[in-house]
Every structure is written in structure tokens, then in C-alpha cells.
Amino acid sequence: MDKDEVKDSIIGVARQIFCKFGFRKTTMDEIAQAVRKGKSSIYYYFSSKEDIFQAVVEKEAALLNSALMKAISEADDPREKLKSYVLVRMRTISELANFYNAIKSEYLSHLEFIDQIRMKYDKNEIQVVEDILRKGVENNEFCIEDTSLAAIAIVTALKGMEIPMFWEKDAEEGIEQRLDSLINFLFYGIIKR
């Protein structure tokens, strides 16, 4: 295995361990044991547990971004792009426990890279949604005066739905229905027509 393959292997295994035990309870010994390498070998590739966690979170962020870009590119019009974005975002983020914990958990705020990842993720997400909305306005599909403000509102609404959707007992069965309701609200508003 070359150096990049070993690093990817460590990241893959560490991802599972962090997901299972969380950042605080995971040790370098556990990661080394799971990868079947000595702890000193792990330190050859990563300087610390924080360094590994950062690589894991960045990997999951890349997976999320890739899934979102694929969903958007496969949709034909802005309405479908926005719907695909919402559905894929909510499903994928629930599968990326380390990334989700990194952007939501206050006890990880002491890690310097967390704030950078949060800001980058928020900025990127708002920009992607704004691009979809702007295209919808250009195509005369959406009637939005301020696409930037609308993008912030949509992203904020999605973030507000994350915890109830992922942590409630019956959330799995209701996710699709809740997302459809949110999408209908986004498209049709609350005014009776």
C-alpha cells in the first residue's frame, strides 16, 4: 500500500470508531488496533487524534458535497433541483455522524478546524441554494425578490429540522413525509390560493 492508501485506510477505520464512541472517548490505541498497525505508525501519518478527526470530517463533508452535486446535476429544472437538494441533504447528513457532530456539537468547538469547517459548509450550502433559486427566478419558475435572503431562510429551516428528524423514535418513517411538507411549504407558502 502506498502512503495515500494507508491514510485512507486509517481515515475509514477511524470514521467508524469516532461514529461509535465519539471524539472524546476514541483513543489512538483503538484506532491503531483497528487498523492493525502500531500507534507509532499512526503518528507517522497523523500528528494527533484531532488531526485524524479533521481528516474524517473533511472526508464526510466531501461525501456530502459529492452527493448533493450529483443530485442537483441529475435534476432538470430548478424546482426539481431544490427538491433533490433538500431530500439528498437530509438523508445524507443523517448518515454522516462525524460531520454532523462536528458542525452541531458545542463540545467540539475547542478544535480550531471545526469553526473553519462550519463556516465553509454554511457558506457553500447557502451559495448552492441561492444558485438554484436564482436560476428559478431567471426561468420564471420562482418569484423571489431576494434570493440571498431566501437561501439563508431555506438553509436555516433545514437545519432546524435536523434534530427532530434524526433523533425522534419514529423519525425514519416520517422523514419523507416531513420533507415533502417542507418542500410544499417552500414552493407554495402558507397563503390559500
N, C-alpha and C. Protein backbone atom coordinates (compact mmCIF):
# COMPACT_ATOMS: atom_id res chain seq x y z
N MET A 1 0.83 -1.19 0.00
CA MET A 1 0.00 0.00 0.00
C MET A 1 0.87 1.25 0.00
N ASP A 2 0.49 2.23 -0.83
CA ASP A 2 1.24 3.48 -0.79
C ASP A 2 0.72 4.37 0.34
N LYS A 3 1.38 5.48 0.53
CA LYS A 3 1.09 6.36 1.67
C LYS A 3 -0.37 6.84 1.67
N ASP A 4 -0.89 7.22 0.51
CA ASP A 4 -2.27 7.70 0.43
C ASP A 4 -3.28 6.60 0.76
N GLU A 5 -2.98 5.39 0.31
CA GLU A 5 -3.88 4.26 0.62
C GLU A 5 -3.90 3.96 2.11
N VAL A 6 -2.75 4.04 2.75
CA VAL A 6 -2.68 3.81 4.19
C VAL A 6 -3.46 4.90 4.93
N LYS A 7 -3.27 6.15 4.52
CA LYS A 7 -4.01 7.26 5.14
C LYS A 7 -5.52 7.06 4.98
N ASP A 8 -5.94 6.69 3.77
CA ASP A 8 -7.37 6.45 3.52
C ASP A 8 -7.89 5.32 4.38
N SER A 9 -7.09 4.29 4.55
CA SER A 9 -7.47 3.16 5.39
C SER A 9 -7.65 3.60 6.85
N ILE A 10 -6.71 4.39 7.33
CA ILE A 10 -6.80 4.90 8.70
C ILE A 10 -8.04 5.77 8.86
N ILE A 11 -8.28 6.64 7.89
CA ILE A 11 -9.45 7.52 7.94
C ILE A 11 -10.74 6.70 7.94
N GLY A 12 -10.80 5.68 7.09
CA GLY A 12 -12.00 4.84 7.03
C GLY A 12 -12.30 4.13 8.33
N VAL A 13 -11.27 3.57 8.93
CA VAL A 13 -11.44 2.86 10.21
C VAL A 13 -11.75 3.86 11.33
N ALA A 14 -11.03 4.96 11.35
CA ALA A 14 -11.25 5.98 12.39
C ALA A 14 -12.67 6.54 12.29
N ARG A 15 -13.16 6.66 11.09
CA ARG A 15 -14.53 7.15 10.87
C ARG A 15 -15.54 6.28 11.62
N GLN A 16 -15.37 4.98 11.50
CA GLN A 16 -16.28 4.04 12.19
C GLN A 16 -16.13 4.14 13.71
N ILE A 17 -14.90 4.25 14.17
CA ILE A 17 -14.66 4.31 15.62
C ILE A 17 -15.19 5.61 16.21
N PHE A 18 -14.92 6.74 15.55
CA PHE A 18 -15.45 8.01 16.04
C PHE A 18 -16.97 7.98 16.05
N CYS A 19 -17.55 7.37 15.04
CA CYS A 19 -19.01 7.28 14.96
C CYS A 19 -19.56 6.47 16.13
N LYS A 20 -18.87 5.41 16.48
CA LYS A 20 -19.33 4.52 17.54
C LYS A 20 -19.12 5.11 18.93
N PHE A 21 -17.94 5.67 19.18
CA PHE A 21 -17.58 6.12 20.52
C PHE A 21 -17.57 7.64 20.71
N GLY A 22 -17.60 8.39 19.61
CA GLY A 22 -17.49 9.83 19.71
C GLY A 22 -16.04 10.27 19.78
N PHE A 23 -15.82 11.55 19.60
CA PHE A 23 -14.46 12.08 19.57
C PHE A 23 -13.75 11.89 20.91
N ARG A 24 -14.39 12.26 21.98
CA ARG A 24 -13.74 12.24 23.30
C ARG A 24 -13.34 10.85 23.74
N LYS A 25 -14.18 9.86 23.50
CA LYS A 25 -13.91 8.51 24.01
C LYS A 25 -13.01 7.67 23.10
N THR A 26 -12.80 8.13 21.90
CA THR A 26 -11.93 7.40 20.97
C THR A 26 -10.47 7.67 21.33
N THR A 27 -9.67 6.60 21.29
CA THR A 27 -8.24 6.76 21.58
C THR A 27 -7.41 6.37 20.36
N MET A 28 -6.18 6.85 20.34
CA MET A 28 -5.26 6.48 19.26
C MET A 28 -4.97 4.98 19.31
N ASP A 29 -4.94 4.41 20.51
CA ASP A 29 -4.72 2.96 20.64
C ASP A 29 -5.81 2.18 19.92
N GLU A 30 -7.07 2.61 20.09
CA GLU A 30 -8.19 1.92 19.44
C GLU A 30 -8.08 2.02 17.92
N ILE A 31 -7.72 3.18 17.45
CA ILE A 31 -7.57 3.36 16.00
C ILE A 31 -6.44 2.48 15.48
N ALA A 32 -5.30 2.50 16.16
CA ALA A 32 -4.15 1.69 15.75
C ALA A 32 -4.50 0.20 15.75
N GLN A 33 -5.18 -0.23 16.79
CA GLN A 33 -5.56 -1.64 16.90
C GLN A 33 -6.51 -2.03 15.76
N ALA A 34 -7.47 -1.18 15.47
CA ALA A 34 -8.45 -1.48 14.42
C ALA A 34 -7.81 -1.50 13.04
N VAL A 35 -6.79 -0.67 12.83
CA VAL A 35 -6.09 -0.63 11.55
C VAL A 35 -5.02 -1.72 11.47
N ARG A 36 -4.74 -2.33 12.62
CA ARG A 36 -3.71 -3.36 12.75
C ARG A 36 -2.31 -2.80 12.46
N LYS A 37 -2.07 -1.66 13.08
CA LYS A 37 -0.77 -1.01 12.98
C LYS A 37 -0.38 -0.55 14.37
N GLY A 38 0.89 -0.32 14.54
CA GLY A 38 1.35 0.23 15.81
C GLY A 38 0.96 1.70 15.92
N LYS A 39 0.83 2.16 17.15
CA LYS A 39 0.44 3.55 17.36
C LYS A 39 1.46 4.50 16.72
N SER A 40 2.73 4.13 16.75
CA SER A 40 3.76 4.98 16.13
C SER A 40 3.54 5.08 14.62
N SER A 41 3.03 4.02 14.02
CA SER A 41 2.72 4.06 12.58
C SER A 41 1.60 5.05 12.29
N ILE A 42 0.62 5.11 13.17
CA ILE A 42 -0.49 6.06 13.01
C ILE A 42 0.06 7.49 13.10
N TYR A 43 0.98 7.70 14.06
CA TYR A 43 1.57 9.03 14.23
C TYR A 43 2.46 9.43 13.05
N TYR A 44 2.90 8.47 12.27
CA TYR A 44 3.66 8.79 11.06
C TYR A 44 2.77 9.52 10.06
N TYR A 45 1.50 9.13 10.01
CA TYR A 45 0.55 9.70 9.05
C TYR A 45 -0.25 10.87 9.61
N PHE A 46 -0.51 10.85 10.89
CA PHE A 46 -1.32 11.88 11.54
C PHE A 46 -0.65 12.30 12.84
N SER A 47 -0.59 13.58 13.09
CA SER A 47 0.13 14.07 14.28
C SER A 47 -0.66 13.91 15.57
N SER A 48 -1.98 13.74 15.47
CA SER A 48 -2.80 13.66 16.69
C SER A 48 -4.17 13.07 16.37
N LYS A 49 -4.91 12.79 17.41
CA LYS A 49 -6.29 12.33 17.26
C LYS A 49 -7.12 13.42 16.57
N GLU A 50 -6.86 14.67 16.92
CA GLU A 50 -7.56 15.80 16.30
C GLU A 50 -7.30 15.84 14.80
N ASP A 51 -6.07 15.55 14.42
CA ASP A 51 -5.68 15.54 13.01
C ASP A 51 -6.46 14.45 12.25
N ILE A 52 -6.60 13.30 12.85
CA ILE A 52 -7.38 12.21 12.24
C ILE A 52 -8.84 12.61 12.15
N PHE A 53 -9.37 13.17 13.24
CA PHE A 53 -10.78 13.57 13.24
C PHE A 53 -11.05 14.63 12.17
N GLN A 54 -10.12 15.56 12.01
CA GLN A 54 -10.27 16.57 10.97
C GLN A 54 -10.34 15.91 9.59
N ALA A 55 -9.47 14.94 9.35
CA ALA A 55 -9.48 14.23 8.06
C ALA A 55 -10.79 13.48 7.86
N VAL A 56 -11.31 12.89 8.93
CA VAL A 56 -12.59 12.17 8.86
C VAL A 56 -13.72 13.13 8.53
N VAL A 57 -13.77 14.25 9.22
CA VAL A 57 -14.83 15.24 9.00
C VAL A 57 -14.74 15.81 7.58
N GLU A 58 -13.53 16.11 7.12
CA GLU A 58 -13.36 16.62 5.77
C GLU A 58 -13.77 15.58 4.73
N LYS A 59 -13.49 14.31 4.99
CA LYS A 59 -13.90 13.23 4.09
C LYS A 59 -15.43 13.18 4.01
N GLU A 60 -16.10 13.26 5.16
CA GLU A 60 -17.55 13.21 5.18
C GLU A 60 -18.15 14.45 4.52
N ALA A 61 -17.53 15.60 4.70
CA ALA A 61 -18.00 16.82 4.04
C ALA A 61 -17.90 16.67 2.52
N ALA A 62 -16.82 16.05 2.06
CA ALA A 62 -16.65 15.81 0.63
C ALA A 62 -17.70 14.83 0.11
N LEU A 63 -18.02 13.80 0.91
CA LEU A 63 -19.06 12.84 0.51
C LEU A 63 -20.41 13.53 0.39
N LEU A 64 -20.73 14.39 1.36
CA LEU A 64 -21.99 15.14 1.32
C LEU A 64 -22.04 16.04 0.10
N ASN A 65 -20.98 16.78 -0.13
CA ASN A 65 -20.94 17.69 -1.27
C ASN A 65 -21.08 16.93 -2.59
N SER A 66 -20.42 15.81 -2.69
CA SER A 66 -20.50 14.99 -3.90
C SER A 66 -21.92 14.49 -4.14
N ALA A 67 -22.57 14.02 -3.08
CA ALA A 67 -23.96 13.53 -3.20
C ALA A 67 -24.90 14.66 -3.62
N LEU A 68 -24.69 15.84 -3.05
CA LEU A 68 -25.55 16.98 -3.38
C LEU A 68 -25.34 17.44 -4.82
N MET A 69 -24.09 17.53 -5.25
CA MET A 69 -23.81 17.97 -6.62
C MET A 69 -24.36 16.97 -7.64
N LYS A 70 -24.28 15.69 -7.31
CA LYS A 70 -24.83 14.66 -8.19
C LYS A 70 -26.34 14.80 -8.29
N ALA A 71 -27.00 14.99 -7.15
CA ALA A 71 -28.46 15.13 -7.14
C ALA A 71 -28.90 16.36 -7.93
N ILE A 72 -28.19 17.46 -7.76
CA ILE A 72 -28.55 18.69 -8.46
C ILE A 72 -28.33 18.54 -9.96
N SER A 73 -27.22 17.93 -10.35
CA SER A 73 -26.92 17.80 -11.78
C SER A 73 -27.88 16.85 -12.49
N GLU A 74 -28.45 15.91 -11.76
CA GLU A 74 -29.38 14.96 -12.37
C GLU A 74 -30.80 15.52 -12.51
N ALA A 75 -31.10 16.60 -11.81
CA ALA A 75 -32.43 17.20 -11.89
C ALA A 75 -32.49 18.14 -13.09
N ASP A 76 -33.67 18.23 -13.69
CA ASP A 76 -33.81 19.01 -14.92
C ASP A 76 -34.04 20.50 -14.70
N ASP A 77 -34.93 20.85 -13.79
CA ASP A 77 -35.28 22.25 -13.62
C ASP A 77 -35.03 22.69 -12.17
N PRO A 78 -35.03 23.99 -11.92
CA PRO A 78 -34.74 24.49 -10.57
C PRO A 78 -35.64 23.92 -9.48
N ARG A 79 -36.89 23.71 -9.79
CA ARG A 79 -37.81 23.14 -8.79
C ARG A 79 -37.36 21.74 -8.39
N GLU A 80 -37.02 20.92 -9.37
CA GLU A 80 -36.55 19.57 -9.09
C GLU A 80 -35.17 19.59 -8.43
N LYS A 81 -34.34 20.53 -8.83
CA LYS A 81 -33.01 20.66 -8.21
C LYS A 81 -33.15 20.96 -6.72
N LEU A 82 -34.04 21.89 -6.38
CA LEU A 82 -34.23 22.25 -4.98
C LEU A 82 -34.81 21.07 -4.20
N LYS A 83 -35.78 20.40 -4.79
CA LYS A 83 -36.37 19.23 -4.13
C LYS A 83 -35.31 18.15 -3.91
N SER A 84 -34.53 17.86 -4.94
CA SER A 84 -33.47 16.85 -4.82
C SER A 84 -32.44 17.27 -3.78
N TYR A 85 -32.10 18.55 -3.79
CA TYR A 85 -31.13 19.06 -2.82
C TYR A 85 -31.61 18.80 -1.40
N VAL A 86 -32.86 19.17 -1.11
CA VAL A 86 -33.41 19.01 0.24
C VAL A 86 -33.43 17.54 0.63
N LEU A 87 -33.96 16.69 -0.23
CA LEU A 87 -34.08 15.27 0.10
C LEU A 87 -32.71 14.62 0.31
N VAL A 88 -31.80 14.84 -0.62
CA VAL A 88 -30.47 14.22 -0.53
C VAL A 88 -29.70 14.79 0.66
N ARG A 89 -29.80 16.07 0.89
CA ARG A 89 -29.10 16.70 2.01
C ARG A 89 -29.53 16.07 3.32
N MET A 90 -30.83 15.98 3.54
CA MET A 90 -31.32 15.49 4.83
C MET A 90 -31.00 14.00 5.01
N ARG A 91 -31.11 13.23 3.94
CA ARG A 91 -30.79 11.79 4.05
C ARG A 91 -29.29 11.58 4.29
N THR A 92 -28.48 12.27 3.52
CA THR A 92 -27.04 12.05 3.58
C THR A 92 -26.45 12.56 4.88
N ILE A 93 -26.89 13.71 5.33
CA ILE A 93 -26.31 14.26 6.56
C ILE A 93 -26.61 13.36 7.75
N SER A 94 -27.73 12.65 7.71
CA SER A 94 -28.06 11.74 8.82
C SER A 94 -27.14 10.53 8.84
N GLU A 95 -26.53 10.22 7.69
CA GLU A 95 -25.62 9.08 7.59
C GLU A 95 -24.17 9.46 7.93
N LEU A 96 -23.90 10.74 7.99
CA LEU A 96 -22.54 11.21 8.23
C LEU A 96 -22.42 11.73 9.66
N ALA A 97 -22.38 10.81 10.59
CA ALA A 97 -22.43 11.15 12.02
C ALA A 97 -21.29 12.05 12.46
N ASN A 98 -20.08 11.81 11.99
CA ASN A 98 -18.93 12.61 12.43
C ASN A 98 -19.04 14.05 11.93
N PHE A 99 -19.42 14.19 10.66
CA PHE A 99 -19.59 15.53 10.10
C PHE A 99 -20.71 16.26 10.83
N TYR A 100 -21.83 15.57 11.02
CA TYR A 100 -22.97 16.20 11.69
C TYR A 100 -22.59 16.63 13.10
N ASN A 101 -21.92 15.76 13.84
CA ASN A 101 -21.49 16.12 15.20
C ASN A 101 -20.51 17.29 15.18
N ALA A 102 -19.64 17.32 14.20
CA ALA A 102 -18.65 18.40 14.12
C ALA A 102 -19.31 19.75 13.90
N ILE A 103 -20.34 19.80 13.05
CA ILE A 103 -20.96 21.09 12.77
C ILE A 103 -22.01 21.48 13.80
N LYS A 104 -22.46 20.53 14.61
CA LYS A 104 -23.51 20.83 15.59
C LYS A 104 -23.05 20.86 17.04
N SER A 105 -22.07 20.07 17.38
CA SER A 105 -21.71 19.89 18.78
C SER A 105 -20.88 21.05 19.33
N GLU A 106 -21.34 21.58 20.43
CA GLU A 106 -20.62 22.67 21.09
C GLU A 106 -19.33 22.18 21.76
N TYR A 107 -19.33 20.93 22.24
CA TYR A 107 -18.14 20.47 22.96
C TYR A 107 -16.95 20.23 22.03
N LEU A 108 -17.17 20.31 20.72
CA LEU A 108 -16.05 20.19 19.78
C LEU A 108 -15.54 21.56 19.32
N SER A 109 -16.16 22.62 19.81
CA SER A 109 -15.79 23.97 19.37
C SER A 109 -14.35 24.34 19.70
N HIS A 110 -13.77 23.69 20.68
CA HIS A 110 -12.38 23.99 21.04
C HIS A 110 -11.40 23.56 19.95
N LEU A 111 -11.84 22.67 19.07
CA LEU A 111 -10.97 22.25 17.97
C LEU A 111 -10.97 23.35 16.91
N GLU A 112 -9.80 23.88 16.63
CA GLU A 112 -9.68 25.04 15.76
C GLU A 112 -10.32 24.84 14.39
N PHE A 113 -10.16 23.68 13.82
CA PHE A 113 -10.65 23.45 12.47
C PHE A 113 -12.17 23.36 12.39
N ILE A 114 -12.85 23.11 13.50
CA ILE A 114 -14.30 22.94 13.49
C ILE A 114 -14.99 24.22 13.01
N ASP A 115 -14.61 25.36 13.54
CA ASP A 115 -15.22 26.62 13.12
C ASP A 115 -14.97 26.89 11.64
N GLN A 116 -13.79 26.55 11.16
CA GLN A 116 -13.49 26.74 9.74
C GLN A 116 -14.39 25.85 8.88
N ILE A 117 -14.57 24.61 9.29
CA ILE A 117 -15.42 23.69 8.54
C ILE A 117 -16.87 24.18 8.58
N ARG A 118 -17.33 24.60 9.75
CA ARG A 118 -18.70 25.11 9.87
C ARG A 118 -18.94 26.30 8.94
N MET A 119 -18.02 27.26 8.97
CA MET A 119 -18.18 28.45 8.14
C MET A 119 -18.15 28.10 6.65
N LYS A 120 -17.22 27.24 6.28
CA LYS A 120 -17.10 26.83 4.88
C LYS A 120 -18.36 26.09 4.43
N TYR A 121 -18.84 25.18 5.26
CA TYR A 121 -20.04 24.41 4.94
C TYR A 121 -21.25 25.33 4.82
N ASP A 122 -21.44 26.22 5.79
CA ASP A 122 -22.59 27.14 5.76
C ASP A 122 -22.55 28.03 4.52
N LYS A 123 -21.40 28.60 4.25
CA LYS A 123 -21.25 29.49 3.10
C LYS A 123 -21.54 28.73 1.80
N ASN A 124 -21.00 27.53 1.67
CA ASN A 124 -21.20 26.73 0.47
C ASN A 124 -22.67 26.34 0.32
N GLU A 125 -23.30 25.93 1.41
CA GLU A 125 -24.69 25.50 1.34
C GLU A 125 -25.61 26.65 0.92
N ILE A 126 -25.41 27.80 1.51
CA ILE A 126 -26.22 28.97 1.15
C ILE A 126 -26.00 29.33 -0.31
N GLN A 127 -24.75 29.26 -0.78
CA GLN A 127 -24.45 29.60 -2.17
C GLN A 127 -25.11 28.63 -3.14
N VAL A 128 -25.08 27.34 -2.84
CA VAL A 128 -25.70 26.34 -3.72
C VAL A 128 -27.20 26.59 -3.81
N VAL A 129 -27.85 26.80 -2.67
CA VAL A 129 -29.30 27.04 -2.66
C VAL A 129 -29.61 28.35 -3.39
N GLU A 130 -28.80 29.37 -3.15
CA GLU A 130 -29.03 30.65 -3.83
C GLU A 130 -28.90 30.51 -5.35
N ASP A 131 -27.93 29.73 -5.81
CA ASP A 131 -27.76 29.50 -7.25
C ASP A 131 -28.99 28.82 -7.84
N ILE A 132 -29.54 27.85 -7.13
CA ILE A 132 -30.75 27.17 -7.60
C ILE A 132 -31.91 28.17 -7.66
N LEU A 133 -32.07 28.96 -6.62
CA LEU A 133 -33.16 29.94 -6.57
C LEU A 133 -33.01 30.99 -7.68
N ARG A 134 -31.79 31.46 -7.88
CA ARG A 134 -31.55 32.47 -8.91
C ARG A 134 -31.91 31.92 -10.30
N LYS A 135 -31.53 30.67 -10.54
CA LYS A 135 -31.86 30.03 -11.82
C LYS A 135 -33.38 29.91 -11.97
N GLY A 136 -34.06 29.59 -10.88
CA GLY A 136 -35.52 29.50 -10.91
C GLY A 136 -36.17 30.84 -11.20
N VAL A 137 -35.61 31.92 -10.67
CA VAL A 137 -36.13 33.27 -10.95
C VAL A 137 -35.88 33.60 -12.42
N GLU A 138 -34.68 33.30 -12.92
CA GLU A 138 -34.36 33.57 -14.32
C GLU A 138 -35.28 32.81 -15.27
N ASN A 139 -35.66 31.59 -14.88
CA ASN A 139 -36.55 30.75 -15.71
C ASN A 139 -38.02 31.06 -15.48
N ASN A 140 -38.30 32.05 -14.64
CA ASN A 140 -39.67 32.43 -14.31
C ASN A 140 -40.44 31.33 -13.58
N GLU A 141 -39.72 30.48 -12.86
CA GLU A 141 -40.37 29.42 -12.08
C GLU A 141 -40.58 29.84 -10.64
N PHE A 142 -39.71 30.69 -10.13
CA PHE A 142 -39.81 31.18 -8.75
C PHE A 142 -40.02 32.69 -8.78
N CYS A 143 -40.77 33.18 -7.82
CA CYS A 143 -40.98 34.61 -7.66
C CYS A 143 -40.35 35.01 -6.32
N ILE A 144 -39.08 35.37 -6.35
CA ILE A 144 -38.33 35.68 -5.14
C ILE A 144 -37.64 37.03 -5.36
N GLU A 145 -37.87 37.96 -4.44
CA GLU A 145 -37.25 39.28 -4.56
C GLU A 145 -35.77 39.24 -4.18
N ASP A 146 -35.44 38.53 -3.12
CA ASP A 146 -34.06 38.49 -2.62
C ASP A 146 -33.63 37.03 -2.48
N THR A 147 -32.95 36.50 -3.50
CA THR A 147 -32.56 35.08 -3.48
C THR A 147 -31.56 34.78 -2.37
N SER A 148 -30.75 35.75 -2.02
CA SER A 148 -29.78 35.55 -0.94
C SER A 148 -30.49 35.34 0.39
N LEU A 149 -31.43 36.20 0.70
CA LEU A 149 -32.20 36.08 1.94
C LEU A 149 -33.04 34.80 1.94
N ALA A 150 -33.62 34.47 0.80
CA ALA A 150 -34.42 33.24 0.70
C ALA A 150 -33.55 32.01 0.92
N ALA A 151 -32.33 32.02 0.38
CA ALA A 151 -31.41 30.89 0.57
C ALA A 151 -31.06 30.72 2.04
N ILE A 152 -30.80 31.82 2.72
CA ILE A 152 -30.49 31.76 4.15
C ILE A 152 -31.69 31.19 4.92
N ALA A 153 -32.89 31.63 4.56
CA ALA A 153 -34.10 31.14 5.24
C ALA A 153 -34.30 29.64 5.02
N ILE A 154 -34.08 29.17 3.81
CA ILE A 154 -34.26 27.75 3.50
C ILE A 154 -33.22 26.91 4.25
N VAL A 155 -31.98 27.33 4.21
CA VAL A 155 -30.92 26.59 4.91
C VAL A 155 -31.19 26.57 6.41
N THR A 156 -31.64 27.68 6.96
CA THR A 156 -31.97 27.74 8.38
C THR A 156 -33.12 26.79 8.71
N ALA A 157 -34.13 26.75 7.86
CA ALA A 157 -35.26 25.83 8.08
C ALA A 157 -34.79 24.37 8.04
N LEU A 158 -33.92 24.05 7.11
CA LEU A 158 -33.39 22.68 7.02
C LEU A 158 -32.62 22.31 8.28
N LYS A 159 -31.79 23.23 8.75
CA LYS A 159 -31.02 22.97 9.97
C LYS A 159 -31.94 22.78 11.16
N GLY A 160 -33.01 23.54 11.20
CA GLY A 160 -33.97 23.42 12.30
C GLY A 160 -34.70 22.10 12.32
N MET A 161 -34.77 21.45 11.17
CA MET A 161 -35.47 20.16 11.08
C MET A 161 -34.55 18.98 11.37
N GLU A 162 -33.26 19.19 11.40
CA GLU A 162 -32.33 18.07 11.55
C GLU A 162 -32.52 17.28 12.83
N ILE A 163 -32.50 17.94 13.95
CA ILE A 163 -32.57 17.22 15.23
C ILE A 163 -33.88 16.46 15.37
N PRO A 164 -35.03 17.10 15.16
CA PRO A 164 -36.27 16.31 15.29
C PRO A 164 -36.33 15.15 14.30
N MET A 165 -35.80 15.35 13.11
CA MET A 165 -35.89 14.30 12.10
C MET A 165 -34.99 13.12 12.40
N PHE A 166 -33.85 13.36 13.00
CA PHE A 166 -32.88 12.29 13.18
C PHE A 166 -32.91 11.65 14.55
N TRP A 167 -33.49 12.30 15.53
CA TRP A 167 -33.40 11.77 16.87
C TRP A 167 -34.72 11.29 17.45
N GLU A 168 -35.83 11.61 16.82
CA GLU A 168 -37.11 11.12 17.32
C GLU A 168 -37.27 9.65 16.97
N LYS A 169 -38.02 8.93 17.81
CA LYS A 169 -38.21 7.48 17.63
C LYS A 169 -38.73 7.12 16.25
N ASP A 170 -39.82 7.73 15.85
CA ASP A 170 -40.48 7.37 14.60
C ASP A 170 -40.01 8.21 13.43
N ALA A 171 -38.85 8.81 13.57
CA ALA A 171 -38.38 9.73 12.54
C ALA A 171 -38.19 9.06 11.19
N GLU A 172 -37.70 7.83 11.18
CA GLU A 172 -37.39 7.16 9.92
C GLU A 172 -38.60 7.08 9.01
N GLU A 173 -39.75 6.69 9.58
CA GLU A 173 -40.95 6.57 8.75
C GLU A 173 -41.45 7.93 8.28
N GLY A 174 -41.24 8.96 9.09
CA GLY A 174 -41.81 10.26 8.78
C GLY A 174 -40.91 11.20 8.01
N ILE A 175 -39.67 10.82 7.76
CA ILE A 175 -38.74 11.73 7.10
C ILE A 175 -39.26 12.16 5.74
N GLU A 176 -39.64 11.21 4.93
CA GLU A 176 -40.10 11.53 3.57
C GLU A 176 -41.31 12.47 3.61
N GLN A 177 -42.25 12.17 4.49
CA GLN A 177 -43.46 12.99 4.60
C GLN A 177 -43.11 14.40 5.09
N ARG A 178 -42.24 14.49 6.08
CA ARG A 178 -41.84 15.81 6.58
C ARG A 178 -41.11 16.62 5.52
N LEU A 179 -40.25 15.95 4.78
CA LEU A 179 -39.53 16.66 3.73
C LEU A 179 -40.47 17.12 2.63
N ASP A 180 -41.43 16.27 2.27
CA ASP A 180 -42.42 16.68 1.27
C ASP A 180 -43.22 17.89 1.75
N SER A 181 -43.58 17.88 3.04
CA SER A 181 -44.32 19.03 3.60
C SER A 181 -43.47 20.29 3.54
N LEU A 182 -42.19 20.16 3.89
CA LEU A 182 -41.30 21.32 3.85
C LEU A 182 -41.17 21.83 2.41
N ILE A 183 -41.00 20.93 1.48
CA ILE A 183 -40.85 21.32 0.08
C ILE A 183 -42.12 22.00 -0.42
N ASN A 184 -43.29 21.44 -0.07
CA ASN A 184 -44.55 22.08 -0.47
C ASN A 184 -44.67 23.47 0.13
N PHE A 185 -44.26 23.61 1.39
CA PHE A 185 -44.29 24.92 2.03
C PHE A 185 -43.37 25.89 1.30
N LEU A 186 -42.18 25.42 0.93
CA LEU A 186 -41.24 26.28 0.21
C LEU A 186 -41.81 26.72 -1.14
N PHE A 187 -42.46 25.80 -1.82
CA PHE A 187 -42.96 26.11 -3.15
C PHE A 187 -44.27 26.88 -3.14
N TYR A 188 -45.14 26.58 -2.20
CA TYR A 188 -46.49 27.14 -2.25
C TYR A 188 -46.83 28.08 -1.10
N GLY A 189 -45.97 28.17 -0.09
CA GLY A 189 -46.19 29.09 1.01
C GLY A 189 -47.37 28.70 1.89
N ILE A 190 -47.86 29.66 2.64
CA ILE A 190 -48.95 29.39 3.59
C ILE A 190 -50.26 30.06 3.19
N ILE A 191 -50.23 30.84 2.14
CA ILE A 191 -51.44 31.56 1.72
C ILE A 191 -52.31 30.65 0.87
N LYS A 192 -53.59 30.61 1.21
CA LYS A 192 -54.54 29.81 0.43
C LYS A 192 -54.74 30.48 -0.92
N ARG A 193 -54.75 29.67 -1.95
CA ARG A 193 -54.89 30.21 -3.32
C ARG A 193 -56.17 29.76 -3.95
